[in-house]
Amino acid sequence: MGKEKKKVVKINTCESLKAMYYSGKVKASLNRIIAELEKDPENLELALLACQCLVRTKDIDKLSFYADVVIKLAPKIAEGYYYKGLVLQHAKGKEQEALKNFNEALILDPDNTTYLKSKANTHFLLYTDYHLPLKFAEKHRAKAEDGLLKVVELIEQKENPDYADFLSIADVLILLSKGIQAKKYYIKAVDAYNASDESNQDKNIYKDIIKAQNACEKLLDKIIEE
């Protein structure tokens, strides 16, 4: 009976902290999550939630630590390798290690569009690295484009894509220099967010949508002016 009660409390704690994070209170929820993890360091759900928050706060060192925690606790789930890939993605000279981690995540979850987009972004970073010989840069450009197009294809095959899916497509289209099409998907993302159940509304992603939508508008305005 005692064990069952403890389990219920643990689930409620995770759910309440997730709700706090979804409400947009990233730093406040992160502080609470870390405090809970100090008491319960093997709580995988909390470690994953910590990683989500740390991606937002851009605390790379802590993200690296908790990504390693996730990998140690659950080496057969994809998320740990994905977060480790994000850590390495923008570390100069660590792009190949980032790709290895994204590949590991994709072995475990092959059609995950978030992982595919992050891997494609890493190839894109290598393509734009002016120190890389042209023939290698072009290979990364092709791999980035293939990965981005696969993201669009997989999402378009979904029966009920959500606001995060529409945001992903819009972001992909921006990278592919298709701003007008991207604008349409940012609008779809906003509409889908507003139509979704309140319990599924992540205000952090909504902020991403609005920020990206505004950037897209400015880009299109600049192109028209030129």
Protein backbone atom coordinates (compact mmCIF):
# COMPACT_ATOMS: atom_id res chain seq x y z
CA MET A 1 0.00 0.00 0.00
CA GLY A 2 2.83 2.37 0.92
CA LYS A 3 4.62 1.67 -2.36
CA GLU A 4 1.45 2.33 -4.35
CA LYS A 5 0.96 5.67 -2.58
CA LYS A 6 4.56 6.67 -3.28
CA LYS A 7 4.09 5.83 -6.97
CA VAL A 8 0.93 7.96 -7.20
CA VAL A 9 2.69 10.92 -5.57
CA LYS A 10 5.60 10.54 -8.03
CA ILE A 11 3.25 10.53 -11.05
CA ASN A 12 1.35 13.56 -9.73
CA THR A 13 4.61 15.44 -9.19
CA CYS A 14 5.72 14.74 -12.78
CA GLU A 15 2.34 15.76 -14.17
CA SER A 16 2.19 18.99 -12.17
CA LEU A 17 5.73 19.94 -13.20
CA LYS A 18 4.93 19.15 -16.82
CA ALA A 19 1.84 21.39 -16.58
CA MET A 20 3.99 24.17 -15.12
CA TYR A 21 6.47 23.78 -17.97
CA TYR A 22 3.66 23.81 -20.57
CA SER A 23 2.37 27.05 -19.04
CA GLY A 24 5.60 28.74 -20.09
CA LYS A 25 7.25 28.89 -16.66
CA VAL A 26 10.42 27.21 -17.86
CA LYS A 27 12.93 28.36 -15.25
CA ALA A 28 10.54 27.92 -12.34
CA SER A 29 9.65 24.40 -13.41
CA LEU A 30 13.32 23.57 -14.05
CA ASN A 31 14.27 24.61 -10.50
CA ARG A 32 11.53 22.38 -9.10
CA ILE A 33 12.49 19.47 -11.37
CA ILE A 34 16.15 19.62 -10.35
CA ALA A 35 15.13 19.74 -6.68
CA GLU A 36 12.97 16.63 -7.19
CA LEU A 37 15.78 14.87 -9.04
CA GLU A 38 18.12 15.46 -6.11
CA LYS A 39 15.67 13.43 -4.01
CA ASP A 40 14.94 10.89 -6.77
CA PRO A 41 17.95 10.80 -9.16
CA GLU A 42 16.72 7.74 -11.07
CA ASN A 43 13.39 9.26 -12.07
CA LEU A 44 13.57 8.97 -15.86
CA GLU A 45 10.46 11.05 -16.54
CA LEU A 46 11.81 13.97 -14.52
CA ALA A 47 15.25 13.69 -16.17
CA LEU A 48 13.59 13.91 -19.59
CA LEU A 49 11.55 16.91 -18.49
CA ALA A 50 14.74 18.55 -17.21
CA CYS A 51 16.26 18.08 -20.67
CA GLN A 52 13.23 19.73 -22.29
CA CYS A 53 13.61 22.74 -20.01
CA LEU A 54 17.37 22.95 -20.50
CA VAL A 55 16.97 23.06 -24.29
CA ARG A 56 14.87 26.18 -23.66
CA THR A 57 17.26 27.81 -21.18
CA LYS A 58 20.23 26.91 -23.42
CA ASP A 59 22.24 25.66 -20.43
CA ILE A 60 24.41 23.32 -22.48
CA ASP A 61 26.50 22.00 -19.61
CA LYS A 62 23.47 20.92 -17.57
CA LEU A 63 21.76 19.58 -20.68
CA SER A 64 24.82 17.43 -21.35
CA PHE A 65 24.73 16.14 -17.77
CA TYR A 66 21.04 15.19 -17.85
CA ALA A 67 21.29 13.73 -21.35
CA ASP A 68 23.96 11.40 -19.96
CA VAL A 69 21.66 10.61 -17.02
CA VAL A 70 18.87 9.64 -19.43
CA ILE A 71 21.20 7.47 -21.52
CA LYS A 72 22.47 5.72 -18.38
CA LEU A 73 18.96 5.14 -17.02
CA ALA A 74 17.46 4.05 -20.35
CA PRO A 75 20.03 3.23 -23.04
CA LYS A 76 17.32 1.73 -25.25
CA ILE A 77 15.20 4.88 -25.61
CA ALA A 78 15.96 7.53 -28.20
CA GLU A 79 15.55 10.77 -26.25
CA GLY A 80 18.89 10.68 -24.43
CA TYR A 81 20.85 10.41 -27.66
CA TYR A 82 18.75 13.18 -29.22
CA TYR A 83 19.51 15.57 -26.36
CA LYS A 84 23.19 14.62 -26.43
CA GLY A 85 23.16 15.37 -30.16
CA LEU A 86 21.77 18.84 -29.46
CA VAL A 87 24.59 19.43 -26.97
CA LEU A 88 27.21 18.55 -29.57
CA GLN A 89 25.47 20.15 -32.56
CA HIS A 90 26.82 23.66 -32.04
CA ALA A 91 30.12 22.70 -30.41
CA LYS A 92 32.78 23.51 -32.98
CA GLY A 93 34.41 20.34 -34.24
CA LYS A 94 31.81 18.10 -32.56
CA GLU A 95 29.32 17.97 -35.45
CA GLN A 96 30.23 14.40 -36.42
CA GLU A 97 29.65 13.27 -32.83
CA ALA A 98 26.30 15.06 -32.92
CA LEU A 99 25.40 13.14 -36.09
CA LYS A 100 26.34 9.85 -34.41
CA ASN A 101 23.97 10.60 -31.53
CA PHE A 102 21.15 11.64 -33.85
CA ASN A 103 21.71 8.43 -35.85
CA GLU A 104 21.51 6.42 -32.62
CA ALA A 105 18.23 8.14 -31.77
CA LEU A 106 16.90 7.42 -35.27
CA ILE A 107 17.84 3.74 -35.04
CA LEU A 108 15.56 3.56 -32.01
CA ASP A 109 12.86 5.84 -33.45
CA PRO A 110 13.35 5.96 -37.25
CA ASP A 111 10.46 8.23 -38.26
CA ASN A 112 10.79 10.84 -35.54
CA THR A 113 10.59 14.14 -37.40
CA THR A 114 12.22 16.11 -34.57
CA TYR A 115 15.31 13.91 -34.70
CA LEU A 116 15.38 13.99 -38.50
CA LYS A 117 15.15 17.79 -38.54
CA SER A 118 17.95 18.14 -35.97
CA LYS A 119 20.17 15.78 -37.94
CA ALA A 120 19.44 17.73 -41.13
CA ASN A 121 20.27 20.98 -39.31
CA THR A 122 23.65 19.55 -38.37
CA HIS A 123 24.35 18.65 -42.00
CA PHE A 124 23.28 22.19 -42.91
CA LEU A 125 25.73 23.65 -40.36
CA LEU A 126 28.52 21.59 -41.92
CA TYR A 127 27.46 22.72 -45.40
CA THR A 128 27.80 26.37 -44.36
CA ASP A 129 31.20 25.77 -42.71
CA TYR A 130 33.53 27.70 -45.01
CA HIS A 131 36.54 25.73 -43.78
CA LEU A 132 35.13 22.50 -45.20
CA PRO A 133 36.31 21.47 -48.70
CA LEU A 134 33.58 22.15 -51.30
CA LYS A 135 33.02 18.49 -52.25
CA PHE A 136 32.35 17.56 -48.61
CA ALA A 137 30.18 20.63 -48.08
CA GLU A 138 28.03 19.66 -51.06
CA LYS A 139 27.52 16.17 -49.64
CA HIS A 140 26.25 17.68 -46.42
CA ARG A 141 23.98 20.03 -48.37
CA ALA A 142 22.43 17.05 -50.16
CA LYS A 143 22.00 15.11 -46.92
CA ALA A 144 20.43 18.15 -45.23
CA GLU A 145 17.96 18.60 -48.07
CA ASP A 146 17.05 14.88 -48.13
CA GLY A 147 16.45 14.92 -44.39
CA LEU A 148 14.32 18.06 -44.51
CA LEU A 149 12.18 16.73 -47.35
CA LYS A 150 11.66 13.49 -45.44
CA VAL A 151 10.38 15.51 -42.46
CA VAL A 152 7.77 17.16 -44.70
CA GLU A 153 6.82 13.82 -46.26
CA LEU A 154 6.36 12.07 -42.91
CA ILE A 155 4.25 14.87 -41.44
CA GLU A 156 2.07 15.12 -44.54
CA GLN A 157 1.36 11.38 -44.18
CA LYS A 158 -0.03 11.90 -40.67
CA GLU A 159 -3.78 11.67 -40.33
CA ASN A 160 -3.97 14.45 -37.74
CA PRO A 161 -0.82 16.61 -37.67
CA ASP A 162 -0.67 18.96 -34.68
CA TYR A 163 0.62 22.51 -34.21
CA ALA A 164 4.17 21.28 -33.53
CA ASP A 165 4.09 19.35 -36.83
CA PHE A 166 3.01 22.43 -38.77
CA LEU A 167 5.76 24.44 -37.09
CA SER A 168 8.29 21.79 -38.16
CA ILE A 169 7.16 21.96 -41.79
CA ALA A 170 7.28 25.76 -41.76
CA ASP A 171 10.81 25.75 -40.30
CA VAL A 172 11.90 23.23 -42.92
CA LEU A 173 10.47 25.38 -45.71
CA ILE A 174 12.39 28.40 -44.40
CA LEU A 175 15.63 26.39 -44.60
CA LEU A 176 14.67 25.38 -48.14
CA SER A 177 14.14 29.08 -49.03
CA LYS A 178 10.39 28.66 -49.52
CA GLY A 179 9.20 31.56 -47.41
CA ILE A 180 5.71 32.00 -48.87
CA GLN A 181 4.84 28.33 -48.29
CA ALA A 182 6.35 28.56 -44.81
CA LYS A 183 4.08 31.52 -43.98
CA LYS A 184 1.01 29.37 -44.73
CA TYR A 185 2.21 26.66 -42.35
CA TYR A 186 2.92 29.13 -39.55
CA ILE A 187 -0.71 30.24 -39.86
CA LYS A 188 -1.81 26.58 -39.78
CA ALA A 189 0.32 26.07 -36.67
CA VAL A 190 -1.38 28.97 -34.86
CA ASP A 191 -4.85 27.73 -35.88
CA ALA A 192 -4.05 24.15 -34.79
CA TYR A 193 -2.73 25.38 -31.44
CA ASN A 194 -5.88 27.40 -30.77
CA ALA A 195 -8.05 24.41 -31.75
CA SER A 196 -6.19 21.92 -29.54
CA ASP A 197 -7.25 20.86 -26.07
CA GLU A 198 -5.90 23.19 -23.39
CA SER A 199 -4.09 20.32 -21.64
CA ASN A 200 -2.09 19.73 -24.83
CA GLN A 201 -1.14 23.36 -25.38
CA ASP A 202 2.57 23.94 -24.83
CA LYS A 203 2.95 27.72 -24.58
CA ASN A 204 6.69 27.39 -25.18
CA ILE A 205 6.04 25.96 -28.65
CA TYR A 206 3.38 28.62 -29.25
CA LYS A 207 6.01 31.28 -28.53
CA ASP A 208 8.29 29.54 -31.05
CA ILE A 209 5.51 29.68 -33.65
CA ILE A 210 4.87 33.40 -33.16
CA LYS A 211 8.57 34.26 -33.13
CA ALA A 212 9.23 32.26 -36.31
CA GLN A 213 6.10 33.66 -37.98
CA ASN A 214 7.25 37.23 -37.31
CA ALA A 215 10.73 36.45 -38.62
CA CYS A 216 9.18 34.95 -41.76
CA GLU A 217 7.06 38.08 -42.30
CA LYS A 218 10.13 40.31 -42.00
CA LEU A 219 12.03 38.08 -44.44
CA LEU A 220 9.23 38.26 -47.01
CA ASP A 221 8.89 42.03 -46.55
CA LYS A 222 12.63 42.43 -47.17
CA ILE A 223 12.44 40.33 -50.34
CA ILE A 224 9.51 42.45 -51.63
CA GLU A 225 11.40 45.70 -50.87
CA GLU A 226 14.44 44.45 -52.79
